[in-house]
Amino acid sequence: MATGTAMPVLRTARLTIRPLIAAEAPACRATLAVSDDAAFERWLTWAVAAPAALADLHQPPFGERAVVHAATGELVGLVGLVPALGPFAQLEGAAPGCPWTSELGLYWALAPGHRGRGYATEAGAELARYLFAAFSPARLVAMTEHTNAASQAVMRRLGMRMLENPHPEPGWLQVVGVLERTT
């Protein structure tokens, strides 16, 4: 697949993964628990426009997508691909190399009422499958805090190798799951 092609709508047995629409702002706000109105509006404008804009620029499909329950049409969360530039070499178990490296990061967030049903794992697995098939990255990563046991559980269910950051900073790089391409 060419990088200038928009990511297709992805489907699993229970979920549809598709671009966000502006009308989903209330569900997105509840999912992300955002308190800064201006920051949320900037994010929503970008999240709605990004898929087409990035395809026009022949770039990978960075940004969030809606995770929608296939039977009800309800937005249950978000999943996406984010560029991640960070000090990954400082992680315990990381391959030696440049202290700051560029990675492709998986992202997920579920609305509070939809957690614990396997939606994050299902959506993350489908997105990873698509990304490995379409772009052939060597690996994908996901990052979280030490205290986010639920996100770490999703990483493990996705088959990610878990790396720990022995340093207190940066806070968003405390636990990193690494999913290697298998083919």
N, C-alpha and C. Protein backbone atom coordinates (compact mmCIF):
# COMPACT_ATOMS: atom_id res chain seq x y z
N MET A 1 0.84 -1.19 0.00
CA MET A 1 0.00 0.00 0.00
C MET A 1 0.88 1.24 0.00
N ALA A 2 0.54 2.20 -0.79
CA ALA A 2 1.29 3.45 -0.84
C ALA A 2 0.98 4.31 0.38
N THR A 3 1.98 5.05 0.85
CA THR A 3 1.75 5.88 2.02
C THR A 3 0.79 7.01 1.75
N GLY A 4 0.54 7.35 0.50
CA GLY A 4 -0.38 8.43 0.18
C GLY A 4 -1.83 7.99 0.16
N THR A 5 -2.10 6.76 0.50
CA THR A 5 -3.46 6.24 0.53
C THR A 5 -3.99 6.32 1.94
N ALA A 6 -5.21 6.81 2.09
CA ALA A 6 -5.81 6.89 3.42
C ALA A 6 -6.00 5.49 3.98
N MET A 7 -5.86 5.37 5.30
CA MET A 7 -6.07 4.09 5.96
C MET A 7 -7.53 3.67 5.77
N PRO A 8 -7.76 2.42 5.38
CA PRO A 8 -9.14 1.98 5.20
C PRO A 8 -9.85 1.83 6.54
N VAL A 9 -11.15 1.74 6.49
CA VAL A 9 -11.92 1.40 7.68
C VAL A 9 -11.55 -0.04 8.03
N LEU A 10 -11.23 -0.28 9.29
CA LEU A 10 -10.87 -1.62 9.76
C LEU A 10 -12.05 -2.19 10.54
N ARG A 11 -12.23 -3.50 10.43
CA ARG A 11 -13.35 -4.14 11.13
C ARG A 11 -12.87 -5.40 11.84
N THR A 12 -13.42 -5.59 13.03
CA THR A 12 -13.22 -6.84 13.77
C THR A 12 -14.61 -7.42 14.01
N ALA A 13 -14.69 -8.51 14.74
CA ALA A 13 -15.99 -9.12 15.02
C ALA A 13 -16.93 -8.15 15.73
N ARG A 14 -16.38 -7.29 16.61
CA ARG A 14 -17.23 -6.41 17.42
C ARG A 14 -17.06 -4.94 17.13
N LEU A 15 -15.99 -4.56 16.44
CA LEU A 15 -15.62 -3.15 16.35
C LEU A 15 -15.40 -2.68 14.91
N THR A 16 -15.60 -1.39 14.71
CA THR A 16 -15.22 -0.70 13.48
C THR A 16 -14.25 0.40 13.87
N ILE A 17 -13.14 0.48 13.15
CA ILE A 17 -12.13 1.50 13.40
C ILE A 17 -12.12 2.40 12.17
N ARG A 18 -12.46 3.67 12.38
CA ARG A 18 -12.64 4.59 11.26
C ARG A 18 -12.24 6.00 11.69
N PRO A 19 -12.15 6.94 10.72
CA PRO A 19 -11.83 8.32 11.09
C PRO A 19 -12.88 8.91 12.03
N LEU A 20 -12.43 9.82 12.85
CA LEU A 20 -13.34 10.54 13.75
C LEU A 20 -14.17 11.54 12.97
N ILE A 21 -15.32 11.90 13.51
CA ILE A 21 -16.12 12.98 12.96
C ILE A 21 -16.36 14.00 14.07
N ALA A 22 -16.52 15.25 13.69
CA ALA A 22 -16.65 16.33 14.67
C ALA A 22 -17.83 16.12 15.61
N ALA A 23 -18.89 15.48 15.14
CA ALA A 23 -20.06 15.25 15.99
C ALA A 23 -19.75 14.32 17.17
N GLU A 24 -18.62 13.64 17.13
CA GLU A 24 -18.24 12.74 18.23
C GLU A 24 -17.49 13.46 19.35
N ALA A 25 -17.45 14.78 19.29
CA ALA A 25 -16.72 15.56 20.30
C ALA A 25 -17.13 15.19 21.73
N PRO A 26 -18.42 15.12 22.07
CA PRO A 26 -18.77 14.79 23.47
C PRO A 26 -18.24 13.42 23.91
N ALA A 27 -18.33 12.42 23.04
CA ALA A 27 -17.83 11.09 23.40
C ALA A 27 -16.31 11.09 23.51
N CYS A 28 -15.64 11.85 22.65
CA CYS A 28 -14.18 11.95 22.73
C CYS A 28 -13.76 12.64 24.02
N ARG A 29 -14.45 13.71 24.36
CA ARG A 29 -14.14 14.46 25.58
C ARG A 29 -14.29 13.55 26.80
N ALA A 30 -15.35 12.75 26.83
CA ALA A 30 -15.57 11.84 27.96
C ALA A 30 -14.49 10.76 28.00
N THR A 31 -14.09 10.28 26.85
CA THR A 31 -13.06 9.25 26.79
C THR A 31 -11.72 9.77 27.28
N LEU A 32 -11.37 10.97 26.86
CA LEU A 32 -10.06 11.54 27.19
C LEU A 32 -10.04 12.29 28.51
N ALA A 33 -11.21 12.58 29.10
CA ALA A 33 -11.31 13.32 30.36
C ALA A 33 -10.51 14.62 30.29
N VAL A 34 -10.75 15.39 29.25
CA VAL A 34 -10.02 16.63 29.01
C VAL A 34 -10.68 17.78 29.76
N SER A 35 -9.87 18.59 30.43
CA SER A 35 -10.41 19.74 31.15
C SER A 35 -10.08 21.07 30.46
N ASP A 36 -9.12 21.09 29.56
CA ASP A 36 -8.72 22.30 28.86
C ASP A 36 -9.50 22.41 27.55
N ASP A 37 -10.49 23.29 27.52
CA ASP A 37 -11.36 23.42 26.35
C ASP A 37 -10.60 23.77 25.08
N ALA A 38 -9.69 24.72 25.17
CA ALA A 38 -8.95 25.15 23.99
C ALA A 38 -8.07 24.02 23.45
N ALA A 39 -7.40 23.30 24.33
CA ALA A 39 -6.55 22.19 23.90
C ALA A 39 -7.40 21.09 23.27
N PHE A 40 -8.56 20.82 23.83
CA PHE A 40 -9.43 19.80 23.26
C PHE A 40 -9.89 20.21 21.86
N GLU A 41 -10.28 21.45 21.68
CA GLU A 41 -10.74 21.91 20.37
C GLU A 41 -9.62 21.82 19.33
N ARG A 42 -8.38 22.17 19.72
CA ARG A 42 -7.25 22.04 18.80
C ARG A 42 -7.04 20.58 18.42
N TRP A 43 -7.09 19.70 19.44
CA TRP A 43 -6.91 18.27 19.18
C TRP A 43 -8.01 17.75 18.26
N LEU A 44 -9.26 18.07 18.54
CA LEU A 44 -10.38 17.56 17.74
C LEU A 44 -10.27 18.03 16.29
N THR A 45 -9.94 19.29 16.09
CA THR A 45 -9.78 19.81 14.74
C THR A 45 -8.72 19.01 13.99
N TRP A 46 -7.58 18.77 14.65
CA TRP A 46 -6.50 17.99 14.04
C TRP A 46 -6.95 16.54 13.81
N ALA A 47 -7.55 15.92 14.81
CA ALA A 47 -7.92 14.50 14.72
C ALA A 47 -8.91 14.24 13.59
N VAL A 48 -9.82 15.16 13.35
CA VAL A 48 -10.79 15.01 12.26
C VAL A 48 -10.13 15.24 10.91
N ALA A 49 -9.24 16.22 10.82
CA ALA A 49 -8.62 16.59 9.54
C ALA A 49 -7.42 15.72 9.18
N ALA A 50 -6.73 15.15 10.15
CA ALA A 50 -5.46 14.47 9.91
C ALA A 50 -5.50 13.34 8.88
N PRO A 51 -6.47 12.42 8.93
CA PRO A 51 -6.39 11.31 7.97
C PRO A 51 -6.30 11.75 6.51
N ALA A 52 -7.14 12.66 6.09
CA ALA A 52 -7.11 13.12 4.70
C ALA A 52 -5.86 13.96 4.42
N ALA A 53 -5.49 14.82 5.36
CA ALA A 53 -4.33 15.69 5.16
C ALA A 53 -3.05 14.87 5.04
N LEU A 54 -2.89 13.86 5.89
CA LEU A 54 -1.68 13.04 5.83
C LEU A 54 -1.65 12.20 4.56
N ALA A 55 -2.80 11.69 4.14
CA ALA A 55 -2.84 10.95 2.87
C ALA A 55 -2.45 11.85 1.72
N ASP A 56 -2.94 13.11 1.72
CA ASP A 56 -2.58 14.06 0.67
C ASP A 56 -1.08 14.32 0.64
N LEU A 57 -0.44 14.27 1.80
CA LEU A 57 1.00 14.53 1.91
C LEU A 57 1.84 13.26 1.76
N HIS A 58 1.20 12.14 1.47
CA HIS A 58 1.89 10.85 1.33
C HIS A 58 2.62 10.45 2.60
N GLN A 59 1.94 10.63 3.72
CA GLN A 59 2.51 10.31 5.03
C GLN A 59 1.75 9.14 5.66
N PRO A 60 2.35 8.47 6.63
CA PRO A 60 1.66 7.39 7.33
C PRO A 60 0.40 7.91 8.03
N PRO A 61 -0.50 7.02 8.38
CA PRO A 61 -1.79 7.42 8.97
C PRO A 61 -1.68 7.75 10.46
N PHE A 62 -0.88 8.76 10.80
CA PHE A 62 -0.76 9.18 12.19
C PHE A 62 -2.08 9.76 12.69
N GLY A 63 -2.30 9.65 13.97
CA GLY A 63 -3.48 10.23 14.59
C GLY A 63 -4.44 9.17 15.10
N GLU A 64 -5.47 9.66 15.77
CA GLU A 64 -6.45 8.78 16.39
C GLU A 64 -7.57 8.44 15.43
N ARG A 65 -8.14 7.27 15.64
CA ARG A 65 -9.33 6.81 14.91
C ARG A 65 -10.40 6.46 15.94
N ALA A 66 -11.64 6.57 15.52
CA ALA A 66 -12.76 6.19 16.37
C ALA A 66 -12.82 4.67 16.45
N VAL A 67 -13.07 4.17 17.64
CA VAL A 67 -13.36 2.75 17.85
C VAL A 67 -14.85 2.70 18.17
N VAL A 68 -15.60 2.12 17.25
CA VAL A 68 -17.06 2.14 17.33
C VAL A 68 -17.57 0.72 17.49
N HIS A 69 -18.52 0.54 18.41
CA HIS A 69 -19.14 -0.77 18.58
C HIS A 69 -19.95 -1.07 17.32
N ALA A 70 -19.64 -2.16 16.65
CA ALA A 70 -20.26 -2.46 15.36
C ALA A 70 -21.77 -2.63 15.45
N ALA A 71 -22.26 -3.21 16.53
CA ALA A 71 -23.70 -3.48 16.64
C ALA A 71 -24.51 -2.23 16.99
N THR A 72 -23.92 -1.31 17.79
CA THR A 72 -24.69 -0.16 18.27
C THR A 72 -24.31 1.15 17.60
N GLY A 73 -23.12 1.22 17.00
CA GLY A 73 -22.64 2.46 16.41
C GLY A 73 -22.08 3.43 17.43
N GLU A 74 -22.01 3.04 18.69
CA GLU A 74 -21.53 3.91 19.76
C GLU A 74 -20.00 3.98 19.77
N LEU A 75 -19.45 5.19 19.91
CA LEU A 75 -18.01 5.36 20.05
C LEU A 75 -17.62 4.85 21.44
N VAL A 76 -16.77 3.82 21.47
CA VAL A 76 -16.35 3.23 22.75
C VAL A 76 -14.94 3.65 23.13
N GLY A 77 -14.21 4.24 22.17
CA GLY A 77 -12.86 4.67 22.47
C GLY A 77 -12.13 5.16 21.24
N LEU A 78 -10.82 5.27 21.39
CA LEU A 78 -9.94 5.76 20.34
C LEU A 78 -8.75 4.82 20.24
N VAL A 79 -8.20 4.71 19.04
CA VAL A 79 -6.98 3.97 18.81
C VAL A 79 -6.23 4.72 17.73
N GLY A 80 -4.91 4.63 17.76
CA GLY A 80 -4.19 5.35 16.72
C GLY A 80 -2.71 5.05 16.68
N LEU A 81 -2.09 5.75 15.75
CA LEU A 81 -0.66 5.65 15.52
C LEU A 81 -0.06 7.02 15.79
N VAL A 82 0.97 7.05 16.62
CA VAL A 82 1.61 8.32 16.96
C VAL A 82 3.11 8.22 16.70
N PRO A 83 3.72 9.31 16.19
CA PRO A 83 5.18 9.31 16.10
C PRO A 83 5.73 9.46 17.51
N ALA A 84 6.73 8.69 17.83
CA ALA A 84 7.30 8.74 19.18
C ALA A 84 8.80 8.93 19.09
N LEU A 85 9.27 10.09 19.50
CA LEU A 85 10.70 10.37 19.57
C LEU A 85 11.04 10.46 21.03
N GLY A 86 11.88 9.56 21.49
CA GLY A 86 12.18 9.55 22.92
C GLY A 86 13.47 8.85 23.25
N PRO A 87 13.84 8.89 24.52
CA PRO A 87 15.08 8.26 24.99
C PRO A 87 14.89 6.76 25.23
N PHE A 88 14.51 6.03 24.19
CA PHE A 88 14.21 4.62 24.32
C PHE A 88 15.42 3.79 24.73
N ALA A 89 16.63 4.24 24.42
CA ALA A 89 17.83 3.48 24.76
C ALA A 89 18.04 3.39 26.27
N GLN A 90 17.41 4.25 27.07
CA GLN A 90 17.60 4.19 28.52
C GLN A 90 16.73 3.11 29.17
N LEU A 91 15.89 2.45 28.42
CA LEU A 91 15.03 1.42 28.98
C LEU A 91 15.82 0.15 29.27
N GLU A 92 15.51 -0.49 30.38
CA GLU A 92 16.15 -1.76 30.69
C GLU A 92 15.75 -2.79 29.65
N GLY A 93 16.72 -3.46 29.07
CA GLY A 93 16.46 -4.46 28.05
C GLY A 93 16.43 -3.91 26.63
N ALA A 94 16.62 -2.61 26.46
CA ALA A 94 16.61 -2.01 25.13
C ALA A 94 17.94 -2.30 24.43
N ALA A 95 17.88 -2.38 23.12
CA ALA A 95 19.11 -2.55 22.34
C ALA A 95 19.94 -1.28 22.46
N PRO A 96 21.27 -1.40 22.50
CA PRO A 96 22.09 -0.20 22.58
C PRO A 96 21.95 0.62 21.30
N GLY A 97 22.16 1.90 21.45
CA GLY A 97 22.07 2.76 20.28
C GLY A 97 21.98 4.21 20.70
N CYS A 98 21.56 5.01 19.78
CA CYS A 98 21.41 6.44 20.01
C CYS A 98 20.46 6.66 21.19
N PRO A 99 20.76 7.60 22.08
CA PRO A 99 19.89 7.80 23.24
C PRO A 99 18.46 8.18 22.85
N TRP A 100 18.28 8.96 21.80
CA TRP A 100 16.95 9.35 21.35
C TRP A 100 16.70 8.68 20.00
N THR A 101 15.64 7.92 19.92
CA THR A 101 15.31 7.24 18.68
C THR A 101 13.85 7.52 18.32
N SER A 102 13.56 7.28 17.07
CA SER A 102 12.22 7.49 16.54
C SER A 102 11.51 6.15 16.44
N GLU A 103 10.30 6.08 16.94
CA GLU A 103 9.52 4.85 16.93
C GLU A 103 8.11 5.15 16.43
N LEU A 104 7.39 4.10 16.05
CA LEU A 104 5.97 4.21 15.73
C LEU A 104 5.20 3.70 16.95
N GLY A 105 4.38 4.55 17.51
CA GLY A 105 3.68 4.21 18.74
C GLY A 105 2.20 3.92 18.53
N LEU A 106 1.73 2.84 19.13
CA LEU A 106 0.31 2.55 19.18
C LEU A 106 -0.30 3.30 20.35
N TYR A 107 -1.52 3.72 20.18
CA TYR A 107 -2.22 4.49 21.20
C TYR A 107 -3.63 3.92 21.33
N TRP A 108 -4.15 3.88 22.56
CA TRP A 108 -5.55 3.52 22.77
C TRP A 108 -6.06 4.21 24.01
N ALA A 109 -7.34 4.51 23.98
CA ALA A 109 -8.05 5.07 25.14
C ALA A 109 -9.50 4.64 25.02
N LEU A 110 -10.05 4.15 26.11
CA LEU A 110 -11.45 3.71 26.10
C LEU A 110 -12.28 4.57 27.03
N ALA A 111 -13.53 4.78 26.65
CA ALA A 111 -14.47 5.47 27.52
C ALA A 111 -14.63 4.64 28.79
N PRO A 112 -14.74 5.30 29.95
CA PRO A 112 -14.82 4.56 31.21
C PRO A 112 -15.87 3.44 31.23
N GLY A 113 -17.02 3.65 30.64
CA GLY A 113 -18.06 2.64 30.65
C GLY A 113 -17.81 1.45 29.75
N HIS A 114 -16.74 1.48 28.97
CA HIS A 114 -16.46 0.40 28.03
C HIS A 114 -15.14 -0.32 28.33
N ARG A 115 -14.55 -0.01 29.44
CA ARG A 115 -13.29 -0.67 29.81
C ARG A 115 -13.56 -2.07 30.35
N GLY A 116 -12.55 -2.92 30.24
CA GLY A 116 -12.65 -4.26 30.79
C GLY A 116 -13.38 -5.25 29.90
N ARG A 117 -13.62 -4.91 28.65
CA ARG A 117 -14.35 -5.80 27.74
C ARG A 117 -13.47 -6.31 26.60
N GLY A 118 -12.19 -5.97 26.63
CA GLY A 118 -11.27 -6.42 25.58
C GLY A 118 -11.26 -5.56 24.34
N TYR A 119 -11.94 -4.42 24.35
CA TYR A 119 -11.99 -3.57 23.16
C TYR A 119 -10.62 -2.98 22.81
N ALA A 120 -9.86 -2.56 23.81
CA ALA A 120 -8.54 -1.98 23.53
C ALA A 120 -7.63 -3.02 22.89
N THR A 121 -7.65 -4.24 23.39
CA THR A 121 -6.83 -5.30 22.82
C THR A 121 -7.28 -5.61 21.39
N GLU A 122 -8.58 -5.71 21.19
CA GLU A 122 -9.12 -6.03 19.86
C GLU A 122 -8.77 -4.94 18.84
N ALA A 123 -8.97 -3.69 19.23
CA ALA A 123 -8.67 -2.57 18.33
C ALA A 123 -7.17 -2.44 18.11
N GLY A 124 -6.38 -2.56 19.16
CA GLY A 124 -4.92 -2.46 19.03
C GLY A 124 -4.35 -3.56 18.16
N ALA A 125 -4.86 -4.78 18.31
CA ALA A 125 -4.39 -5.90 17.50
C ALA A 125 -4.72 -5.69 16.02
N GLU A 126 -5.92 -5.19 15.74
CA GLU A 126 -6.31 -4.97 14.34
C GLU A 126 -5.49 -3.85 13.72
N LEU A 127 -5.27 -2.78 14.48
CA LEU A 127 -4.45 -1.69 13.96
C LEU A 127 -3.02 -2.16 13.72
N ALA A 128 -2.46 -2.91 14.66
CA ALA A 128 -1.09 -3.43 14.49
C ALA A 128 -1.01 -4.34 13.26
N ARG A 129 -2.00 -5.22 13.09
CA ARG A 129 -2.02 -6.11 11.94
C ARG A 129 -1.99 -5.29 10.64
N TYR A 130 -2.84 -4.27 10.57
CA TYR A 130 -2.88 -3.41 9.39
C TYR A 130 -1.53 -2.71 9.18
N LEU A 131 -0.97 -2.12 10.22
CA LEU A 131 0.28 -1.36 10.08
C LEU A 131 1.43 -2.24 9.64
N PHE A 132 1.54 -3.45 10.22
CA PHE A 132 2.61 -4.36 9.80
C PHE A 132 2.42 -4.77 8.34
N ALA A 133 1.19 -5.01 7.91
CA ALA A 133 0.94 -5.41 6.52
C ALA A 133 1.16 -4.26 5.55
N ALA A 134 0.73 -3.07 5.92
CA ALA A 134 0.78 -1.94 4.99
C ALA A 134 2.13 -1.23 4.94
N PHE A 135 2.84 -1.18 6.07
CA PHE A 135 4.05 -0.36 6.14
C PHE A 135 5.31 -1.13 6.51
N SER A 136 5.18 -2.36 6.97
CA SER A 136 6.32 -3.21 7.33
C SER A 136 7.31 -2.57 8.30
N PRO A 137 6.85 -1.90 9.36
CA PRO A 137 7.82 -1.39 10.33
C PRO A 137 8.48 -2.57 11.05
N ALA A 138 9.68 -2.36 11.52
CA ALA A 138 10.37 -3.41 12.27
C ALA A 138 9.65 -3.71 13.58
N ARG A 139 9.06 -2.66 14.16
CA ARG A 139 8.36 -2.84 15.43
C ARG A 139 7.42 -1.67 15.68
N LEU A 140 6.51 -1.91 16.60
CA LEU A 140 5.61 -0.87 17.11
C LEU A 140 5.80 -0.82 18.62
N VAL A 141 5.59 0.35 19.22
CA VAL A 141 5.72 0.48 20.67
C VAL A 141 4.45 1.09 21.24
N ALA A 142 4.26 0.88 22.52
CA ALA A 142 3.20 1.55 23.28
C ALA A 142 3.82 1.97 24.60
N MET A 143 3.43 3.13 25.11
CA MET A 143 4.05 3.68 26.30
C MET A 143 3.00 4.01 27.35
N THR A 144 3.37 3.84 28.62
CA THR A 144 2.46 4.21 29.70
C THR A 144 3.24 4.42 30.99
N GLU A 145 2.50 4.78 32.03
CA GLU A 145 3.09 4.99 33.35
C GLU A 145 3.14 3.66 34.12
N HIS A 146 3.98 3.62 35.16
CA HIS A 146 4.06 2.42 36.02
C HIS A 146 2.70 2.08 36.62
N THR A 147 1.89 3.09 36.91
CA THR A 147 0.62 2.87 37.61
C THR A 147 -0.53 2.43 36.70
N ASN A 148 -0.34 2.45 35.38
CA ASN A 148 -1.43 2.10 34.47
C ASN A 148 -1.41 0.60 34.16
N ALA A 149 -1.90 -0.17 35.13
CA ALA A 149 -1.90 -1.63 35.00
C ALA A 149 -2.79 -2.09 33.85
N ALA A 150 -3.89 -1.40 33.59
CA ALA A 150 -4.80 -1.81 32.52
C ALA A 150 -4.12 -1.71 31.16
N SER A 151 -3.41 -0.62 30.92
CA SER A 151 -2.71 -0.46 29.65
C SER A 151 -1.58 -1.48 29.51
N GLN A 152 -0.89 -1.75 30.59
CA GLN A 152 0.15 -2.77 30.56
C GLN A 152 -0.44 -4.15 30.26
N ALA A 153 -1.63 -4.43 30.77
CA ALA A 153 -2.29 -5.71 30.49
C ALA A 153 -2.64 -5.81 29.00
N VAL A 154 -3.08 -4.71 28.40
CA VAL A 154 -3.35 -4.71 26.96
C VAL A 154 -2.05 -5.00 26.20
N MET A 155 -0.96 -4.36 26.59
CA MET A 155 0.32 -4.59 25.93
C MET A 155 0.68 -6.07 25.98
N ARG A 156 0.52 -6.69 27.14
CA ARG A 156 0.85 -8.11 27.28
C ARG A 156 -0.05 -8.97 26.39
N ARG A 157 -1.35 -8.67 26.35
CA ARG A 157 -2.27 -9.45 25.51
C ARG A 157 -1.95 -9.28 24.03
N LEU A 158 -1.38 -8.15 23.66
CA LEU A 158 -0.96 -7.94 22.27
C LEU A 158 0.34 -8.68 21.95
N GLY A 159 0.97 -9.25 22.95
CA GLY A 159 2.22 -9.97 22.75
C GLY A 159 3.45 -9.10 22.81
N MET A 160 3.32 -7.94 23.43
CA MET A 160 4.45 -7.01 23.51
C MET A 160 5.46 -7.46 24.56
N ARG A 161 6.73 -7.24 24.24
CA ARG A 161 7.81 -7.41 25.21
C ARG A 161 7.83 -6.15 26.05
N MET A 162 7.86 -6.30 27.37
CA MET A 162 7.75 -5.16 28.27
C MET A 162 9.14 -4.68 28.70
N LEU A 163 9.37 -3.37 28.56
CA LEU A 163 10.62 -2.73 28.98
C LEU A 163 10.30 -1.71 30.06
N GLU A 164 11.16 -1.61 31.06
CA GLU A 164 10.98 -0.66 32.16
C GLU A 164 12.00 0.46 32.06
N ASN A 165 11.59 1.65 32.43
CA ASN A 165 12.48 2.80 32.48
C ASN A 165 13.00 2.90 33.92
N PRO A 166 14.30 2.76 34.13
CA PRO A 166 14.84 2.85 35.49
C PRO A 166 14.93 4.29 36.00
N HIS A 167 14.67 5.26 35.14
CA HIS A 167 14.76 6.68 35.48
C HIS A 167 13.38 7.28 35.69
N PRO A 168 13.26 8.30 36.51
CA PRO A 168 11.94 8.89 36.76
C PRO A 168 11.38 9.71 35.61
N GLU A 169 12.22 10.11 34.69
CA GLU A 169 11.78 10.94 33.58
C GLU A 169 12.15 10.29 32.25
N PRO A 170 11.41 10.53 31.23
CA PRO A 170 10.13 11.23 31.22
C PRO A 170 9.01 10.35 31.77
N GLY A 171 8.02 10.97 32.37
CA GLY A 171 6.93 10.25 33.00
C GLY A 171 6.13 9.38 32.05
N TRP A 172 6.01 9.77 30.80
CA TRP A 172 5.24 8.99 29.82
C TRP A 172 6.00 7.78 29.30
N LEU A 173 7.27 7.64 29.71
CA LEU A 173 8.11 6.54 29.22
C LEU A 173 8.52 5.62 30.36
N GLN A 174 7.60 5.30 31.25
CA GLN A 174 7.92 4.44 32.38
C GLN A 174 7.89 2.97 32.01
N VAL A 175 6.89 2.57 31.24
CA VAL A 175 6.76 1.20 30.76
C VAL A 175 6.51 1.27 29.26
N VAL A 176 7.28 0.50 28.51
CA VAL A 176 7.14 0.48 27.06
C VAL A 176 6.94 -0.96 26.61
N GLY A 177 5.88 -1.17 25.85
CA GLY A 177 5.65 -2.46 25.22
C GLY A 177 6.20 -2.41 23.81
N VAL A 178 6.88 -3.46 23.40
CA VAL A 178 7.48 -3.52 22.06
C VAL A 178 6.91 -4.74 21.34
N LEU A 179 6.32 -4.49 20.19
CA LEU A 179 5.77 -5.56 19.37
C LEU A 179 6.60 -5.64 18.09
N GLU A 180 7.33 -6.72 17.95
CA GLU A 180 8.21 -6.92 16.79
C GLU A 180 7.41 -7.49 15.62
N ARG A 181 7.79 -7.11 14.41
CA ARG A 181 7.21 -7.70 13.20
C ARG A 181 7.65 -9.16 13.15
N THR A 182 6.74 -10.06 12.86
CA THR A 182 7.06 -11.49 12.87
C THR A 182 7.34 -12.06 11.49
N THR A 183 7.01 -11.34 10.44
CA THR A 183 7.29 -11.88 9.10
C THR A 183 8.13 -10.94 8.31
